[in-house]
């Protein structure tokens, strides 16, 4: 009878040990799955962050290109305006020179008539 009880107790201990091992293995499997899913979550976050960063870089590059084009356009317009003003000044100078020449010719003609 003592031997039977010892065997029964050993059997129960073995069953308890196996049950505890199964619990431990199940817990480890859950932790491993959670770790994997956490890695997946972090990888997805990193991919999303990288995609946002690339979009931002593209938007910034496009904005810089637009600003540069606007700057070139403004400079070209300013140069055109300066040339227009210069052309107007040259024409006015020519008109004044012509008027002065005509005036001097008139005076010279008047002086000739008086002298004659």
Foldseek 3Di string as FASTA:
>chain_A
DVVVVVVVVVVVVVVVVVVVVVVVVVVVVVVVVVVVVVVVVVVVVVVVVVVVVVVVVVVVVVVVVVVVVVVVVVVVVVVVVVVVVVVVVVVVVVVVVVVVVVVVVVVVVVVVVVVD
